[in-house]
Amino acid sequence: MEPPDASHDFQRRRYASLSEDELTQVTTWLAGPAHEAVPGGESANDLQTRARDWLASLPETGRVIAFAHGGIIATILYVITGRPSAYDGTCENTEGAARWRFRLGNTSISKLVITKQQTVMLVVNDNAHLESLVL
């Protein structure tokens, strides 16, 4: 079995250490359906539910800072925008909608202002704080 997106050498190396069974599980998970989960992981639907629950738990006023993996940040952005992710064909509002993909760098900063009336994305994937670290 070829790894997903096997046309890229990076992807071949990335999946080279997986057994045939593990590769089948990952390929199935990446292809959907959104309710499938890699053993020990969560499905795309579960991730969206977690993002929605977190958004619903936010206080009505004040500031919140969250340190999280890019996957959950991207899922929060998908939920807020109502757009389907690149990996999930079953999330809400998908009929006829193009799928989006957010690429978020490690340690990137995203700033949102969330009110009852609207959500404003002030910054997404800001890495300016890393510029002084480049040698």
N, C-alpha and C. Protein backbone atom coordinates (compact mmCIF):
# COMPACT_ATOMS: atom_id res chain seq x y z
N MET A 1 0.84 -1.18 0.00
CA MET A 1 0.00 0.00 0.00
C MET A 1 0.88 1.24 0.00
N GLU A 2 0.52 2.20 -0.80
CA GLU A 2 1.26 3.46 -0.85
C GLU A 2 0.74 4.41 0.23
N PRO A 3 1.63 5.17 0.87
CA PRO A 3 1.19 6.15 1.85
C PRO A 3 0.32 7.21 1.19
N PRO A 4 -0.52 7.90 1.97
CA PRO A 4 -1.29 9.00 1.41
C PRO A 4 -0.36 10.03 0.78
N ASP A 5 -0.76 10.61 -0.32
CA ASP A 5 0.05 11.62 -1.01
C ASP A 5 1.46 11.11 -1.27
N ALA A 6 1.57 9.89 -1.72
CA ALA A 6 2.87 9.24 -1.88
C ALA A 6 3.73 9.87 -2.97
N SER A 7 3.18 10.82 -3.72
CA SER A 7 3.98 11.45 -4.76
C SER A 7 5.10 12.31 -4.17
N HIS A 8 5.00 12.62 -2.90
CA HIS A 8 6.02 13.44 -2.25
C HIS A 8 6.97 12.54 -1.47
N ASP A 9 8.24 12.67 -1.70
CA ASP A 9 9.23 11.85 -1.01
C ASP A 9 9.13 12.02 0.50
N PHE A 10 8.83 13.25 0.94
CA PHE A 10 8.69 13.49 2.38
C PHE A 10 7.62 12.58 2.97
N GLN A 11 6.50 12.44 2.29
CA GLN A 11 5.42 11.60 2.78
C GLN A 11 5.86 10.14 2.84
N ARG A 12 6.62 9.69 1.85
CA ARG A 12 7.11 8.30 1.87
C ARG A 12 7.97 8.07 3.12
N ARG A 13 8.89 8.99 3.38
CA ARG A 13 9.75 8.85 4.56
C ARG A 13 8.94 8.94 5.84
N ARG A 14 7.96 9.81 5.86
CA ARG A 14 7.14 10.02 7.04
C ARG A 14 6.40 8.75 7.44
N TYR A 15 5.93 8.00 6.47
CA TYR A 15 5.15 6.80 6.75
C TYR A 15 5.97 5.51 6.64
N ALA A 16 7.25 5.60 6.36
CA ALA A 16 8.09 4.42 6.13
C ALA A 16 8.18 3.50 7.35
N SER A 17 8.09 4.06 8.55
CA SER A 17 8.24 3.25 9.75
C SER A 17 6.95 2.54 10.16
N LEU A 18 5.85 2.82 9.47
CA LEU A 18 4.58 2.20 9.84
C LEU A 18 4.47 0.79 9.28
N SER A 19 3.84 -0.07 10.06
CA SER A 19 3.54 -1.41 9.56
C SER A 19 2.42 -1.29 8.53
N GLU A 20 2.19 -2.36 7.78
CA GLU A 20 1.12 -2.37 6.77
C GLU A 20 -0.24 -2.08 7.43
N ASP A 21 -0.47 -2.67 8.60
CA ASP A 21 -1.73 -2.45 9.31
C ASP A 21 -1.86 -1.00 9.77
N GLU A 22 -0.78 -0.44 10.32
CA GLU A 22 -0.81 0.95 10.76
C GLU A 22 -1.03 1.89 9.59
N LEU A 23 -0.38 1.61 8.47
CA LEU A 23 -0.54 2.44 7.28
C LEU A 23 -1.98 2.40 6.78
N THR A 24 -2.60 1.22 6.81
CA THR A 24 -4.00 1.10 6.42
C THR A 24 -4.89 1.93 7.34
N GLN A 25 -4.61 1.89 8.65
CA GLN A 25 -5.41 2.68 9.60
C GLN A 25 -5.27 4.18 9.34
N VAL A 26 -4.04 4.64 9.11
CA VAL A 26 -3.82 6.07 8.86
C VAL A 26 -4.47 6.49 7.55
N THR A 27 -4.33 5.68 6.51
CA THR A 27 -4.92 5.99 5.21
C THR A 27 -6.44 6.07 5.32
N THR A 28 -7.03 5.13 6.04
CA THR A 28 -8.49 5.14 6.25
C THR A 28 -8.91 6.39 7.00
N TRP A 29 -8.16 6.75 8.03
CA TRP A 29 -8.49 7.92 8.83
C TRP A 29 -8.39 9.20 8.01
N LEU A 30 -7.33 9.34 7.21
CA LEU A 30 -7.16 10.54 6.40
C LEU A 30 -8.22 10.66 5.32
N ALA A 31 -8.68 9.54 4.80
CA ALA A 31 -9.68 9.56 3.73
C ALA A 31 -11.10 9.75 4.26
N GLY A 32 -11.29 9.61 5.55
CA GLY A 32 -12.63 9.68 6.12
C GLY A 32 -13.20 8.28 6.19
N PRO A 33 -14.37 8.06 6.62
CA PRO A 33 -15.32 9.09 7.02
C PRO A 33 -14.92 9.77 8.32
N ALA A 34 -15.54 10.88 8.57
CA ALA A 34 -15.14 11.74 9.69
C ALA A 34 -15.39 11.10 11.05
N HIS A 35 -16.16 10.03 11.11
CA HIS A 35 -16.40 9.38 12.40
C HIS A 35 -15.34 8.32 12.71
N GLU A 36 -14.45 8.03 11.77
CA GLU A 36 -13.38 7.05 11.99
C GLU A 36 -12.26 7.70 12.80
N ALA A 37 -11.64 6.93 13.65
CA ALA A 37 -10.51 7.43 14.44
C ALA A 37 -9.36 6.44 14.37
N VAL A 38 -8.15 6.96 14.35
CA VAL A 38 -6.98 6.11 14.48
C VAL A 38 -7.02 5.54 15.90
N PRO A 39 -6.72 4.26 16.09
CA PRO A 39 -6.76 3.69 17.45
C PRO A 39 -5.98 4.56 18.44
N GLY A 40 -6.63 4.88 19.54
CA GLY A 40 -6.03 5.73 20.55
C GLY A 40 -6.18 7.21 20.28
N GLY A 41 -6.77 7.57 19.14
CA GLY A 41 -6.95 8.97 18.77
C GLY A 41 -8.42 9.34 18.72
N GLU A 42 -8.68 10.51 18.18
CA GLU A 42 -10.07 10.94 18.05
C GLU A 42 -10.40 11.17 16.59
N SER A 43 -11.66 11.06 16.25
CA SER A 43 -12.11 11.27 14.88
C SER A 43 -12.21 12.77 14.60
N ALA A 44 -12.36 13.12 13.32
CA ALA A 44 -12.57 14.52 12.95
C ALA A 44 -13.83 15.06 13.61
N ASN A 45 -14.88 14.23 13.67
CA ASN A 45 -16.12 14.66 14.33
C ASN A 45 -15.89 14.92 15.81
N ASP A 46 -15.12 14.04 16.47
CA ASP A 46 -14.81 14.23 17.89
C ASP A 46 -14.02 15.51 18.11
N LEU A 47 -13.08 15.77 17.22
CA LEU A 47 -12.27 16.98 17.32
C LEU A 47 -13.15 18.22 17.16
N GLN A 48 -14.07 18.19 16.20
CA GLN A 48 -14.99 19.32 16.02
C GLN A 48 -15.88 19.51 17.24
N THR A 49 -16.34 18.41 17.82
CA THR A 49 -17.16 18.50 19.03
C THR A 49 -16.36 19.13 20.16
N ARG A 50 -15.11 18.71 20.30
CA ARG A 50 -14.25 19.29 21.35
C ARG A 50 -14.04 20.77 21.12
N ALA A 51 -13.85 21.19 19.86
CA ALA A 51 -13.67 22.61 19.55
C ALA A 51 -14.94 23.40 19.87
N ARG A 52 -16.10 22.87 19.47
CA ARG A 52 -17.37 23.55 19.75
C ARG A 52 -17.62 23.66 21.26
N ASP A 53 -17.33 22.58 21.98
CA ASP A 53 -17.53 22.59 23.43
C ASP A 53 -16.62 23.62 24.09
N TRP A 54 -15.38 23.71 23.62
CA TRP A 54 -14.46 24.70 24.19
C TRP A 54 -14.95 26.11 23.90
N LEU A 55 -15.37 26.37 22.67
CA LEU A 55 -15.89 27.69 22.33
C LEU A 55 -17.11 28.04 23.18
N ALA A 56 -17.99 27.08 23.39
CA ALA A 56 -19.19 27.31 24.19
C ALA A 56 -18.87 27.56 25.66
N SER A 57 -17.73 27.07 26.11
CA SER A 57 -17.35 27.22 27.52
C SER A 57 -16.66 28.55 27.83
N LEU A 58 -16.35 29.33 26.80
CA LEU A 58 -15.63 30.59 27.03
C LEU A 58 -16.49 31.56 27.83
N PRO A 59 -15.86 32.34 28.72
CA PRO A 59 -16.63 33.34 29.47
C PRO A 59 -17.15 34.42 28.52
N GLU A 60 -18.24 35.07 28.92
CA GLU A 60 -18.83 36.10 28.07
C GLU A 60 -17.96 37.34 27.98
N THR A 61 -17.17 37.61 29.00
CA THR A 61 -16.27 38.76 28.98
C THR A 61 -14.89 38.32 29.44
N GLY A 62 -13.91 39.15 29.14
CA GLY A 62 -12.56 38.87 29.58
C GLY A 62 -11.69 38.33 28.46
N ARG A 63 -10.46 38.05 28.81
CA ARG A 63 -9.49 37.52 27.85
C ARG A 63 -9.19 36.07 28.17
N VAL A 64 -8.96 35.33 27.12
CA VAL A 64 -8.61 33.92 27.26
C VAL A 64 -7.37 33.68 26.43
N ILE A 65 -6.42 32.96 26.99
CA ILE A 65 -5.24 32.56 26.22
C ILE A 65 -5.20 31.03 26.22
N ALA A 66 -4.98 30.47 25.07
CA ALA A 66 -4.95 29.01 24.94
C ALA A 66 -3.65 28.60 24.27
N PHE A 67 -2.99 27.64 24.83
CA PHE A 67 -1.80 27.04 24.23
C PHE A 67 -2.23 25.66 23.74
N ALA A 68 -2.19 25.46 22.44
CA ALA A 68 -2.74 24.22 21.89
C ALA A 68 -2.01 23.81 20.62
N HIS A 69 -2.21 22.57 20.24
CA HIS A 69 -1.69 22.03 18.99
C HIS A 69 -2.39 22.71 17.82
N GLY A 70 -1.69 22.85 16.71
CA GLY A 70 -2.26 23.49 15.53
C GLY A 70 -3.51 22.81 15.01
N GLY A 71 -3.65 21.51 15.24
CA GLY A 71 -4.83 20.79 14.78
C GLY A 71 -6.11 21.29 15.42
N ILE A 72 -6.07 21.54 16.73
CA ILE A 72 -7.28 22.03 17.40
C ILE A 72 -7.51 23.50 17.06
N ILE A 73 -6.44 24.27 16.90
CA ILE A 73 -6.60 25.68 16.49
C ILE A 73 -7.25 25.74 15.11
N ALA A 74 -6.75 24.93 14.18
CA ALA A 74 -7.34 24.91 12.83
C ALA A 74 -8.80 24.48 12.90
N THR A 75 -9.11 23.50 13.72
CA THR A 75 -10.50 23.04 13.85
C THR A 75 -11.39 24.14 14.41
N ILE A 76 -10.88 24.89 15.37
CA ILE A 76 -11.64 26.03 15.90
C ILE A 76 -11.90 27.04 14.78
N LEU A 77 -10.91 27.28 13.94
CA LEU A 77 -11.10 28.20 12.81
C LEU A 77 -12.13 27.66 11.83
N TYR A 78 -12.12 26.35 11.57
CA TYR A 78 -13.14 25.75 10.70
C TYR A 78 -14.53 25.93 11.30
N VAL A 79 -14.66 25.67 12.60
CA VAL A 79 -15.95 25.79 13.27
C VAL A 79 -16.45 27.23 13.22
N ILE A 80 -15.57 28.18 13.53
CA ILE A 80 -15.96 29.59 13.55
C ILE A 80 -16.39 30.07 12.17
N THR A 81 -15.65 29.66 11.15
CA THR A 81 -15.97 30.13 9.79
C THR A 81 -17.09 29.33 9.14
N GLY A 82 -17.41 28.17 9.72
CA GLY A 82 -18.43 27.32 9.13
C GLY A 82 -17.99 26.63 7.86
N ARG A 83 -16.68 26.61 7.64
CA ARG A 83 -16.14 26.00 6.42
C ARG A 83 -15.70 24.57 6.71
N PRO A 84 -15.84 23.70 5.73
CA PRO A 84 -15.34 22.33 5.91
C PRO A 84 -13.82 22.29 5.87
N SER A 85 -13.25 21.42 6.67
CA SER A 85 -11.80 21.28 6.66
C SER A 85 -11.37 20.47 5.45
N ALA A 86 -10.08 20.44 5.23
CA ALA A 86 -9.52 19.66 4.12
C ALA A 86 -9.66 18.17 4.36
N TYR A 87 -9.88 17.77 5.60
CA TYR A 87 -9.91 16.36 5.95
C TYR A 87 -11.31 15.83 6.23
N ASP A 88 -12.29 16.70 6.29
CA ASP A 88 -13.60 16.27 6.75
C ASP A 88 -14.68 16.65 5.75
N GLY A 89 -15.28 15.69 5.14
CA GLY A 89 -16.34 15.97 4.19
C GLY A 89 -17.72 15.95 4.81
N THR A 90 -17.81 15.79 6.13
CA THR A 90 -19.14 15.67 6.73
C THR A 90 -19.45 16.76 7.73
N CYS A 91 -18.56 17.72 7.94
CA CYS A 91 -18.88 18.76 8.91
C CYS A 91 -20.00 19.65 8.36
N GLU A 92 -20.59 20.43 9.20
CA GLU A 92 -21.73 21.25 8.81
C GLU A 92 -21.39 22.20 7.67
N ASN A 93 -22.40 22.57 6.92
CA ASN A 93 -22.29 23.56 5.83
C ASN A 93 -21.35 23.13 4.72
N THR A 94 -21.29 21.86 4.40
CA THR A 94 -20.33 21.40 3.40
C THR A 94 -20.90 21.31 2.00
N GLU A 95 -22.20 21.29 1.85
CA GLU A 95 -22.78 21.06 0.53
C GLU A 95 -22.35 22.14 -0.45
N GLY A 96 -21.58 21.74 -1.44
CA GLY A 96 -21.11 22.67 -2.46
C GLY A 96 -20.02 23.61 -2.02
N ALA A 97 -19.55 23.48 -0.79
CA ALA A 97 -18.53 24.40 -0.27
C ALA A 97 -17.14 23.83 -0.53
N ALA A 98 -16.23 24.69 -0.91
CA ALA A 98 -14.84 24.27 -1.08
C ALA A 98 -14.24 24.01 0.29
N ARG A 99 -13.38 23.02 0.37
CA ARG A 99 -12.73 22.71 1.64
C ARG A 99 -11.56 23.66 1.86
N TRP A 100 -11.37 24.02 3.11
CA TRP A 100 -10.30 24.93 3.49
C TRP A 100 -9.20 24.15 4.19
N ARG A 101 -8.02 24.75 4.17
CA ARG A 101 -6.91 24.19 4.94
C ARG A 101 -6.16 25.36 5.57
N PHE A 102 -5.96 25.28 6.87
CA PHE A 102 -5.15 26.26 7.59
C PHE A 102 -3.82 25.60 7.90
N ARG A 103 -2.74 26.25 7.50
CA ARG A 103 -1.40 25.76 7.85
C ARG A 103 -0.87 26.64 8.96
N LEU A 104 -0.73 26.07 10.12
CA LEU A 104 -0.30 26.81 11.29
C LEU A 104 1.07 26.33 11.71
N GLY A 105 2.03 27.24 11.75
CA GLY A 105 3.39 26.90 12.14
C GLY A 105 3.49 26.64 13.63
N ASN A 106 4.50 25.87 14.01
CA ASN A 106 4.76 25.63 15.43
C ASN A 106 4.98 26.95 16.14
N THR A 107 4.41 27.11 17.28
CA THR A 107 4.46 28.29 18.15
C THR A 107 3.84 29.53 17.52
N SER A 108 3.07 29.38 16.46
CA SER A 108 2.44 30.55 15.85
C SER A 108 1.35 31.10 16.77
N ILE A 109 1.03 32.35 16.55
CA ILE A 109 0.03 33.04 17.36
C ILE A 109 -1.16 33.38 16.47
N SER A 110 -2.34 33.08 16.97
CA SER A 110 -3.58 33.47 16.31
C SER A 110 -4.40 34.23 17.34
N LYS A 111 -4.98 35.37 16.92
CA LYS A 111 -5.78 36.19 17.83
C LYS A 111 -7.17 36.36 17.25
N LEU A 112 -8.16 36.05 18.07
CA LEU A 112 -9.56 36.18 17.68
C LEU A 112 -10.28 37.04 18.70
N VAL A 113 -11.23 37.82 18.24
CA VAL A 113 -12.15 38.53 19.12
C VAL A 113 -13.51 37.89 18.90
N ILE A 114 -14.04 37.28 19.94
CA ILE A 114 -15.30 36.54 19.84
C ILE A 114 -16.34 37.24 20.71
N THR A 115 -17.42 37.68 20.09
CA THR A 115 -18.55 38.26 20.81
C THR A 115 -19.81 37.52 20.40
N LYS A 116 -20.93 37.84 21.03
CA LYS A 116 -22.19 37.21 20.65
C LYS A 116 -22.57 37.58 19.22
N GLN A 117 -22.18 38.77 18.78
CA GLN A 117 -22.56 39.25 17.46
C GLN A 117 -21.66 38.76 16.34
N GLN A 118 -20.38 38.60 16.63
CA GLN A 118 -19.44 38.27 15.56
C GLN A 118 -18.13 37.72 16.09
N THR A 119 -17.36 37.15 15.20
CA THR A 119 -15.99 36.75 15.49
C THR A 119 -15.09 37.44 14.48
N VAL A 120 -14.04 38.06 14.97
CA VAL A 120 -13.08 38.74 14.11
C VAL A 120 -11.74 38.04 14.26
N MET A 121 -11.17 37.61 13.13
CA MET A 121 -9.83 37.03 13.14
C MET A 121 -8.84 38.18 12.96
N LEU A 122 -8.17 38.56 14.04
CA LEU A 122 -7.20 39.64 13.98
C LEU A 122 -5.89 39.17 13.37
N VAL A 123 -5.44 38.01 13.80
CA VAL A 123 -4.16 37.46 13.35
C VAL A 123 -4.31 35.94 13.28
N VAL A 124 -3.79 35.35 12.23
CA VAL A 124 -3.76 33.89 12.11
C VAL A 124 -2.36 33.49 11.67
N ASN A 125 -1.73 32.59 12.44
CA ASN A 125 -0.43 32.02 12.10
C ASN A 125 0.70 33.05 12.09
N ASP A 126 0.72 33.94 13.05
CA ASP A 126 1.78 34.95 13.15
C ASP A 126 3.03 34.30 13.75
N ASN A 127 4.13 34.39 13.04
CA ASN A 127 5.41 33.84 13.51
C ASN A 127 6.48 34.92 13.69
N ALA A 128 6.08 36.18 13.75
CA ALA A 128 7.04 37.28 13.83
C ALA A 128 7.95 37.17 15.05
N HIS A 129 7.45 36.59 16.13
CA HIS A 129 8.26 36.47 17.35
C HIS A 129 9.47 35.55 17.15
N LEU A 130 9.49 34.79 16.06
CA LEU A 130 10.61 33.88 15.79
C LEU A 130 11.70 34.51 14.94
N GLU A 131 11.42 35.65 14.32
CA GLU A 131 12.37 36.25 13.38
C GLU A 131 13.72 36.55 14.01
N SER A 132 13.75 36.98 15.25
CA SER A 132 15.03 37.30 15.89
C SER A 132 15.84 36.05 16.23
N LEU A 133 15.22 34.89 16.16
CA LEU A 133 15.91 33.64 16.48
C LEU A 133 16.63 33.03 15.29
N VAL A 134 16.38 33.55 14.10
CA VAL A 134 17.01 33.00 12.89
C VAL A 134 18.49 33.36 12.91
N LEU A 135 19.33 32.37 12.72
CA LEU A 135 20.79 32.60 12.74
C LEU A 135 21.30 32.96 11.38
